[in-house]
Amino acid sequence: YYADSVKGRFTISQDNTKNTVWLQMNGLKPEETS
């Protein structure tokens, strides 16, 4: 699932061992400072 504001820029995934979840964030904006 993705919030509308990040669709197309962020990708969430899990690795093969299923013990790590990644969030790849591209095209970051200043308002996303958090």
All heavy atoms as atom14 arrays in JSON, in Angstrom:
{
  "sequence": "YYADSVKGRFTISQDNTKNTVWLQMNGLKPEETS",
  "atom14_mask": [
    [1, 1, 1, 1, 1, 1, 1, 1, 1, 1, 1, 1, 0, 0],
    [1, 1, 1, 1, 1, 1, 1, 1, 1, 1, 1, 1, 0, 0],
    [1, 1, 1, 1, 1, 0, 0, 0, 0, 0, 0, 0, 0, 0],
    [1, 1, 1, 1, 1, 1, 1, 1, 0, 0, 0, 0, 0, 0],
    [1, 1, 1, 1, 1, 1, 0, 0, 0, 0, 0, 0, 0, 0],
    [1, 1, 1, 1, 1, 1, 1, 0, 0, 0, 0, 0, 0, 0],
    [1, 1, 1, 1, 1, 1, 1, 1, 1, 0, 0, 0, 0, 0],
    [1, 1, 1, 1, 0, 0, 0, 0, 0, 0, 0, 0, 0, 0],
    [1, 1, 1, 1, 1, 1, 1, 1, 1, 1, 1, 0, 0, 0],
    [1, 1, 1, 1, 1, 1, 1, 1, 1, 1, 1, 0, 0, 0],
    [1, 1, 1, 1, 1, 1, 1, 0, 0, 0, 0, 0, 0, 0],
    [1, 1, 1, 1, 1, 1, 1, 1, 0, 0, 0, 0, 0, 0],
    [1, 1, 1, 1, 1, 1, 0, 0, 0, 0, 0, 0, 0, 0],
    [1, 1, 1, 1, 1, 1, 1, 1, 1, 0, 0, 0, 0, 0],
    [1, 1, 1, 1, 1, 1, 1, 1, 0, 0, 0, 0, 0, 0],
    [1, 1, 1, 1, 1, 1, 1, 1, 0, 0, 0, 0, 0, 0],
    [1, 1, 1, 1, 1, 1, 1, 0, 0, 0, 0, 0, 0, 0],
    [1, 1, 1, 1, 1, 1, 1, 1, 1, 0, 0, 0, 0, 0],
    [1, 1, 1, 1, 1, 1, 1, 1, 0, 0, 0, 0, 0, 0],
    [1, 1, 1, 1, 1, 1, 1, 0, 0, 0, 0, 0, 0, 0],
    [1, 1, 1, 1, 1, 1, 1, 0, 0, 0, 0, 0, 0, 0],
    [1, 1, 1, 1, 1, 1, 1, 1, 1, 1, 1, 1, 1, 1],
    [1, 1, 1, 1, 1, 1, 1, 1, 0, 0, 0, 0, 0, 0],
    [1, 1, 1, 1, 1, 1, 1, 1, 1, 0, 0, 0, 0, 0],
    [1, 1, 1, 1, 1, 1, 1, 1, 0, 0, 0, 0, 0, 0],
    [1, 1, 1, 1, 1, 1, 1, 1, 0, 0, 0, 0, 0, 0],
    [1, 1, 1, 1, 0, 0, 0, 0, 0, 0, 0, 0, 0, 0],
    [1, 1, 1, 1, 1, 1, 1, 1, 0, 0, 0, 0, 0, 0],
    [1, 1, 1, 1, 1, 1, 1, 1, 1, 0, 0, 0, 0, 0],
    [1, 1, 1, 1, 1, 1, 1, 0, 0, 0, 0, 0, 0, 0],
    [1, 1, 1, 1, 1, 1, 1, 1, 1, 0, 0, 0, 0, 0],
    [1, 1, 1, 1, 1, 1, 1, 1, 1, 0, 0, 0, 0, 0],
    [1, 1, 1, 1, 1, 1, 1, 0, 0, 0, 0, 0, 0, 0],
    [1, 1, 1, 1, 1, 1, 0, 0, 0, 0, 0, 0, 0, 0]
  ],
  "atom14_positions": [
    [[0.86, -1.17, 0.0], [0.0, 0.0, 0.0], [0.9, 1.23, 0.0], [1.94, 1.24, 0.65], [-0.9, 0.03, 1.25], [-1.46, 1.4, 1.52], [-2.62, 1.83, 0.89], [-0.81, 2.28, 2.38], [-3.13, 3.09, 1.11], [-1.31, 3.55, 2.6], [-2.46, 3.95, 1.97], [-2.96, 5.21, 2.18], [0.0, 0.0, 0.0], [0.0, 0.0, 0.0]],
    [[0.46, 2.27, -0.71], [1.17, 3.54, -0.71], [0.2, 4.69, -0.52], [-0.88, 4.7, -1.1], [1.92, 3.76, -2.03], [3.0, 2.75, -2.29], [2.76, 1.64, -3.09], [4.26, 2.91, -1.74], [3.75, 0.7, -3.32], [5.26, 1.99, -1.98], [5.0, 0.89, -2.77], [6.0, -0.03, -3.01], [0.0, 0.0, 0.0], [0.0, 0.0, 0.0]],
    [[0.61, 5.65, 0.28], [-0.12, 6.9, 0.33], [-0.04, 7.57, -1.04], [0.97, 7.47, -1.74], [0.45, 7.81, 1.41], [0.0, 0.0, 0.0], [0.0, 0.0, 0.0], [0.0, 0.0, 0.0], [0.0, 0.0, 0.0], [0.0, 0.0, 0.0], [0.0, 0.0, 0.0], [0.0, 0.0, 0.0], [0.0, 0.0, 0.0], [0.0, 0.0, 0.0]],
    [[-1.1, 8.27, -1.4], [-1.12, 8.92, -2.71], [0.07, 9.86, -2.91], [0.58, 9.99, -4.03], [-2.42, 9.7, -2.89], [-3.62, 8.81, -3.09], [-3.44, 7.61, -3.42], [-4.75, 9.29, -2.94], [0.0, 0.0, 0.0], [0.0, 0.0, 0.0], [0.0, 0.0, 0.0], [0.0, 0.0, 0.0], [0.0, 0.0, 0.0], [0.0, 0.0, 0.0]],
    [[0.5, 10.5, -1.86], [1.55, 11.49, -1.96], [2.91, 10.91, -2.34], [3.78, 11.64, -2.79], [1.68, 12.27, -0.65], [2.04, 11.41, 0.42], [0.0, 0.0, 0.0], [0.0, 0.0, 0.0], [0.0, 0.0, 0.0], [0.0, 0.0, 0.0], [0.0, 0.0, 0.0], [0.0, 0.0, 0.0], [0.0, 0.0, 0.0], [0.0, 0.0, 0.0]],
    [[3.08, 9.6, -2.18], [4.38, 9.0, -2.46], [4.35, 7.99, -3.59], [5.4, 7.45, -3.97], [4.99, 8.34, -1.2], [5.04, 9.34, -0.05], [4.21, 7.1, -0.8], [0.0, 0.0, 0.0], [0.0, 0.0, 0.0], [0.0, 0.0, 0.0], [0.0, 0.0, 0.0], [0.0, 0.0, 0.0], [0.0, 0.0, 0.0], [0.0, 0.0, 0.0]],
    [[3.19, 7.74, -4.15], [3.09, 6.78, -5.25], [3.98, 7.2, -6.41], [3.99, 8.35, -6.81], [1.64, 6.64, -5.71], [0.77, 5.86, -4.75], [-0.66, 5.76, -5.26], [-1.52, 4.96, -4.31], [-2.94, 4.93, -4.73], [0.0, 0.0, 0.0], [0.0, 0.0, 0.0], [0.0, 0.0, 0.0], [0.0, 0.0, 0.0], [0.0, 0.0, 0.0]],
    [[4.7, 6.24, -6.94], [5.6, 6.5, -8.04], [6.97, 6.96, -7.63], [7.89, 6.98, -8.45], [0.0, 0.0, 0.0], [0.0, 0.0, 0.0], [0.0, 0.0, 0.0], [0.0, 0.0, 0.0], [0.0, 0.0, 0.0], [0.0, 0.0, 0.0], [0.0, 0.0, 0.0], [0.0, 0.0, 0.0], [0.0, 0.0, 0.0], [0.0, 0.0, 0.0]],
    [[7.14, 7.33, -6.37], [8.43, 7.78, -5.88], [9.01, 6.86, -4.81], [10.23, 6.7, -4.73], [8.33, 9.2, -5.31], [7.96, 10.24, -6.34], [8.05, 11.65, -5.76], [7.11, 11.83, -4.65], [7.45, 12.07, -3.39], [8.73, 12.18, -3.06], [6.52, 12.23, -2.46], [0.0, 0.0, 0.0], [0.0, 0.0, 0.0], [0.0, 0.0, 0.0]],
    [[8.16, 6.3, -3.99], [8.6, 5.43, -2.9], [8.25, 3.98, -3.23], [7.24, 3.7, -3.87], [7.91, 5.8, -1.58], [8.35, 7.1, -0.97], [9.09, 8.03, -1.68], [8.0, 7.39, 0.34], [9.47, 9.23, -1.1], [8.38, 8.58, 0.93], [9.11, 9.5, 0.21], [0.0, 0.0, 0.0], [0.0, 0.0, 0.0], [0.0, 0.0, 0.0]],
    [[9.08, 3.07, -2.76], [8.83, 1.65, -2.92], [9.09, 0.93, -1.61], [10.17, 1.07, -1.03], [9.73, 1.05, -4.01], [9.53, 1.73, -5.25], [9.4, -0.43, -4.2], [0.0, 0.0, 0.0], [0.0, 0.0, 0.0], [0.0, 0.0, 0.0], [0.0, 0.0, 0.0], [0.0, 0.0, 0.0], [0.0, 0.0, 0.0], [0.0, 0.0, 0.0]],
    [[8.11, 0.19, -1.15], [8.29, -0.63, 0.04], [8.48, -2.08, -0.41], [7.85, -2.54, -1.35], [7.1, -0.49, 1.01], [7.39, -1.19, 2.34], [5.8, -0.99, 0.38], [6.37, -0.89, 3.43], [0.0, 0.0, 0.0], [0.0, 0.0, 0.0], [0.0, 0.0, 0.0], [0.0, 0.0, 0.0], [0.0, 0.0, 0.0], [0.0, 0.0, 0.0]],
    [[9.37, -2.78, 0.25], [9.67, -4.15, -0.12], [10.17, -4.91, 1.09], [10.53, -4.32, 2.11], [10.69, -4.21, -1.26], [11.91, -3.62, -0.87], [0.0, 0.0, 0.0], [0.0, 0.0, 0.0], [0.0, 0.0, 0.0], [0.0, 0.0, 0.0], [0.0, 0.0, 0.0], [0.0, 0.0, 0.0], [0.0, 0.0, 0.0], [0.0, 0.0, 0.0]],
    [[10.2, -6.22, 0.97], [10.78, -7.06, 2.0], [11.77, -8.01, 1.35], [11.59, -8.41, 0.2], [9.7, -7.82, 2.78], [8.81, -8.71, 1.94], [7.65, -9.28, 2.74], [7.46, -8.98, 3.92], [6.84, -10.11, 2.09], [0.0, 0.0, 0.0], [0.0, 0.0, 0.0], [0.0, 0.0, 0.0], [0.0, 0.0, 0.0], [0.0, 0.0, 0.0]],
    [[12.82, -8.38, 2.07], [13.83, -9.24, 1.48], [13.42, -10.71, 1.56], [12.37, -11.05, 2.12], [15.2, -8.98, 2.12], [15.29, -9.4, 3.58], [14.43, -10.17, 4.05], [16.24, -8.96, 4.25], [0.0, 0.0, 0.0], [0.0, 0.0, 0.0], [0.0, 0.0, 0.0], [0.0, 0.0, 0.0], [0.0, 0.0, 0.0], [0.0, 0.0, 0.0]],
    [[14.26, -11.57, 1.01], [13.91, -12.98, 0.9], [13.75, -13.66, 2.25], [12.99, -14.64, 2.36], [14.96, -13.73, 0.08], [14.94, -13.33, -1.38], [13.93, -12.87, -1.9], [16.06, -13.53, -2.06], [0.0, 0.0, 0.0], [0.0, 0.0, 0.0], [0.0, 0.0, 0.0], [0.0, 0.0, 0.0], [0.0, 0.0, 0.0], [0.0, 0.0, 0.0]],
    [[14.45, -13.19, 3.23], [14.35, -13.79, 4.56], [13.14, -13.28, 5.33], [12.83, -13.8, 6.4], [15.6, -13.51, 5.39], [15.74, -12.1, 5.62], [16.84, -14.01, 4.67], [0.0, 0.0, 0.0], [0.0, 0.0, 0.0], [0.0, 0.0, 0.0], [0.0, 0.0, 0.0], [0.0, 0.0, 0.0], [0.0, 0.0, 0.0], [0.0, 0.0, 0.0]],
    [[12.5, -12.26, 4.81], [11.29, -11.7, 5.4], [11.53, -11.04, 6.75], [10.59, -10.82, 7.52], [10.2, -12.76, 5.54], [9.91, -13.54, 4.29], [9.07, -12.74, 3.32], [8.72, -13.57, 2.1], [7.48, -13.2, 1.48], [0.0, 0.0, 0.0], [0.0, 0.0, 0.0], [0.0, 0.0, 0.0], [0.0, 0.0, 0.0], [0.0, 0.0, 0.0]],
    [[12.78, -10.71, 7.03], [13.06, -10.07, 8.31], [13.47, -8.61, 8.19], [13.73, -7.96, 9.2], [14.12, -10.85, 9.08], [15.48, -10.81, 8.41], [15.61, -10.42, 7.26], [16.51, -11.23, 9.14], [0.0, 0.0, 0.0], [0.0, 0.0, 0.0], [0.0, 0.0, 0.0], [0.0, 0.0, 0.0], [0.0, 0.0, 0.0], [0.0, 0.0, 0.0]],
    [[13.53, -8.1, 6.97], [13.84, -6.7, 6.76], [12.86, -6.09, 5.77], [12.61, -6.67, 4.71], [15.27, -6.5, 6.23], [16.2, -7.06, 7.17], [15.58, -5.02, 6.04], [0.0, 0.0, 0.0], [0.0, 0.0, 0.0], [0.0, 0.0, 0.0], [0.0, 0.0, 0.0], [0.0, 0.0, 0.0], [0.0, 0.0, 0.0], [0.0, 0.0, 0.0]],
    [[12.33, -4.96, 6.13], [11.46, -4.2, 5.25], [12.18, -2.94, 4.83], [12.76, -2.24, 5.68], [10.12, -3.86, 5.92], [9.27, -2.96, 5.04], [9.35, -5.15, 6.23], [0.0, 0.0, 0.0], [0.0, 0.0, 0.0], [0.0, 0.0, 0.0], [0.0, 0.0, 0.0], [0.0, 0.0, 0.0], [0.0, 0.0, 0.0], [0.0, 0.0, 0.0]],
    [[12.17, -2.65, 3.55], [12.86, -1.5, 2.99], [11.87, -0.46, 2.52], [10.77, -0.77, 2.08], [13.73, -1.92, 1.81], [14.74, -2.97, 2.12], [14.57, -4.32, 2.02], [16.08, -2.76, 2.59], [15.71, -4.97, 2.4], [16.66, -4.04, 2.75], [16.83, -1.63, 2.88], [17.97, -4.21, 3.18], [18.14, -1.8, 3.31], [18.69, -3.07, 3.46]],
    [[12.29, 0.78, 2.61], [11.54, 1.86, 2.0], [12.51, 2.67, 1.15], [13.34, 3.41, 1.68], [10.88, 2.76, 3.04], [10.01, 3.88, 2.46], [8.77, 3.29, 1.78], [9.61, 4.88, 3.53], [0.0, 0.0, 0.0], [0.0, 0.0, 0.0], [0.0, 0.0, 0.0], [0.0, 0.0, 0.0], [0.0, 0.0, 0.0], [0.0, 0.0, 0.0]],
    [[12.42, 2.49, -0.16], [13.21, 3.27, -1.09], [12.47, 4.56, -1.39], [11.32, 4.52, -1.84], [13.45, 2.5, -2.38], [14.22, 3.27, -3.44], [15.65, 3.54, -3.05], [16.34, 2.64, -2.58], [16.09, 4.78, -3.21], [0.0, 0.0, 0.0], [0.0, 0.0, 0.0], [0.0, 0.0, 0.0], [0.0, 0.0, 0.0], [0.0, 0.0, 0.0]],
    [[13.1, 5.69, -1.13], [12.48, 6.99, -1.29], [13.26, 7.76, -2.34], [14.43, 8.08, -2.15], [12.46, 7.75, 0.03], [11.81, 6.99, 1.17], [11.65, 7.99, 2.67], [13.38, 8.26, 3.05], [0.0, 0.0, 0.0], [0.0, 0.0, 0.0], [0.0, 0.0, 0.0], [0.0, 0.0, 0.0], [0.0, 0.0, 0.0], [0.0, 0.0, 0.0]],
    [[12.59, 8.06, -3.44], [13.19, 8.82, -4.52], [12.46, 10.15, -4.67], [11.31, 10.29, -4.27], [13.11, 8.04, -5.84], [13.88, 6.75, -5.8], [14.91, 6.64, -5.13], [13.4, 5.75, -6.53], [0.0, 0.0, 0.0], [0.0, 0.0, 0.0], [0.0, 0.0, 0.0], [0.0, 0.0, 0.0], [0.0, 0.0, 0.0], [0.0, 0.0, 0.0]],
    [[13.13, 11.09, -5.29], [12.51, 12.39, -5.53], [12.04, 13.08, -4.27], [10.95, 13.65, -4.25], [0.0, 0.0, 0.0], [0.0, 0.0, 0.0], [0.0, 0.0, 0.0], [0.0, 0.0, 0.0], [0.0, 0.0, 0.0], [0.0, 0.0, 0.0], [0.0, 0.0, 0.0], [0.0, 0.0, 0.0], [0.0, 0.0, 0.0], [0.0, 0.0, 0.0]],
    [[12.85, 13.06, -3.25], [12.45, 13.6, -1.95], [12.22, 15.11, -2.01], [12.93, 15.83, -2.7], [13.48, 13.25, -0.89], [13.41, 11.8, -0.41], [14.7, 11.4, 0.29], [12.21, 11.62, 0.52], [0.0, 0.0, 0.0], [0.0, 0.0, 0.0], [0.0, 0.0, 0.0], [0.0, 0.0, 0.0], [0.0, 0.0, 0.0], [0.0, 0.0, 0.0]],
    [[11.25, 15.54, -1.24], [10.85, 16.93, -1.18], [11.12, 17.49, 0.22], [11.06, 16.75, 1.2], [9.36, 17.06, -1.51], [8.96, 16.43, -2.83], [7.46, 16.42, -3.0], [7.07, 15.76, -4.3], [5.59, 15.73, -4.47], [0.0, 0.0, 0.0], [0.0, 0.0, 0.0], [0.0, 0.0, 0.0], [0.0, 0.0, 0.0], [0.0, 0.0, 0.0]],
    [[11.37, 18.79, 0.32], [11.64, 19.37, 1.65], [10.53, 19.12, 2.66], [10.82, 18.92, 3.85], [11.79, 20.87, 1.35], [12.28, 20.92, -0.05], [11.58, 19.78, -0.75], [0.0, 0.0, 0.0], [0.0, 0.0, 0.0], [0.0, 0.0, 0.0], [0.0, 0.0, 0.0], [0.0, 0.0, 0.0], [0.0, 0.0, 0.0], [0.0, 0.0, 0.0]],
    [[9.29, 19.14, 2.22], [8.19, 18.91, 3.13], [8.12, 17.49, 3.66], [7.33, 17.19, 4.56], [6.85, 19.29, 2.48], [6.54, 18.52, 1.2], [6.96, 19.26, -0.05], [7.99, 19.97, -0.02], [6.26, 19.13, -1.07], [0.0, 0.0, 0.0], [0.0, 0.0, 0.0], [0.0, 0.0, 0.0], [0.0, 0.0, 0.0], [0.0, 0.0, 0.0]],
    [[8.95, 16.62, 3.11], [9.02, 15.24, 3.59], [10.1, 15.06, 4.66], [10.37, 13.92, 5.06], [9.23, 14.29, 2.42], [8.01, 14.27, 1.5], [8.18, 13.44, 0.26], [9.25, 13.51, -0.38], [7.22, 12.72, -0.09], [0.0, 0.0, 0.0], [0.0, 0.0, 0.0], [0.0, 0.0, 0.0], [0.0, 0.0, 0.0], [0.0, 0.0, 0.0]],
    [[10.69, 16.15, 5.09], [11.59, 16.11, 6.23], [10.79, 15.68, 7.46], [9.84, 16.35, 7.86], [12.24, 17.47, 6.47], [13.11, 17.78, 5.37], [13.05, 17.47, 7.75], [0.0, 0.0, 0.0], [0.0, 0.0, 0.0], [0.0, 0.0, 0.0], [0.0, 0.0, 0.0], [0.0, 0.0, 0.0], [0.0, 0.0, 0.0], [0.0, 0.0, 0.0]],
    [[11.18, 14.57, 8.03], [10.42, 14.0, 9.14], [11.27, 12.94, 9.83], [12.27, 12.48, 9.28], [9.13, 13.32, 8.65], [8.24, 14.23, 8.05], [0.0, 0.0, 0.0], [0.0, 0.0, 0.0], [0.0, 0.0, 0.0], [0.0, 0.0, 0.0], [0.0, 0.0, 0.0], [0.0, 0.0, 0.0], [0.0, 0.0, 0.0], [0.0, 0.0, 0.0]]
  ]
}
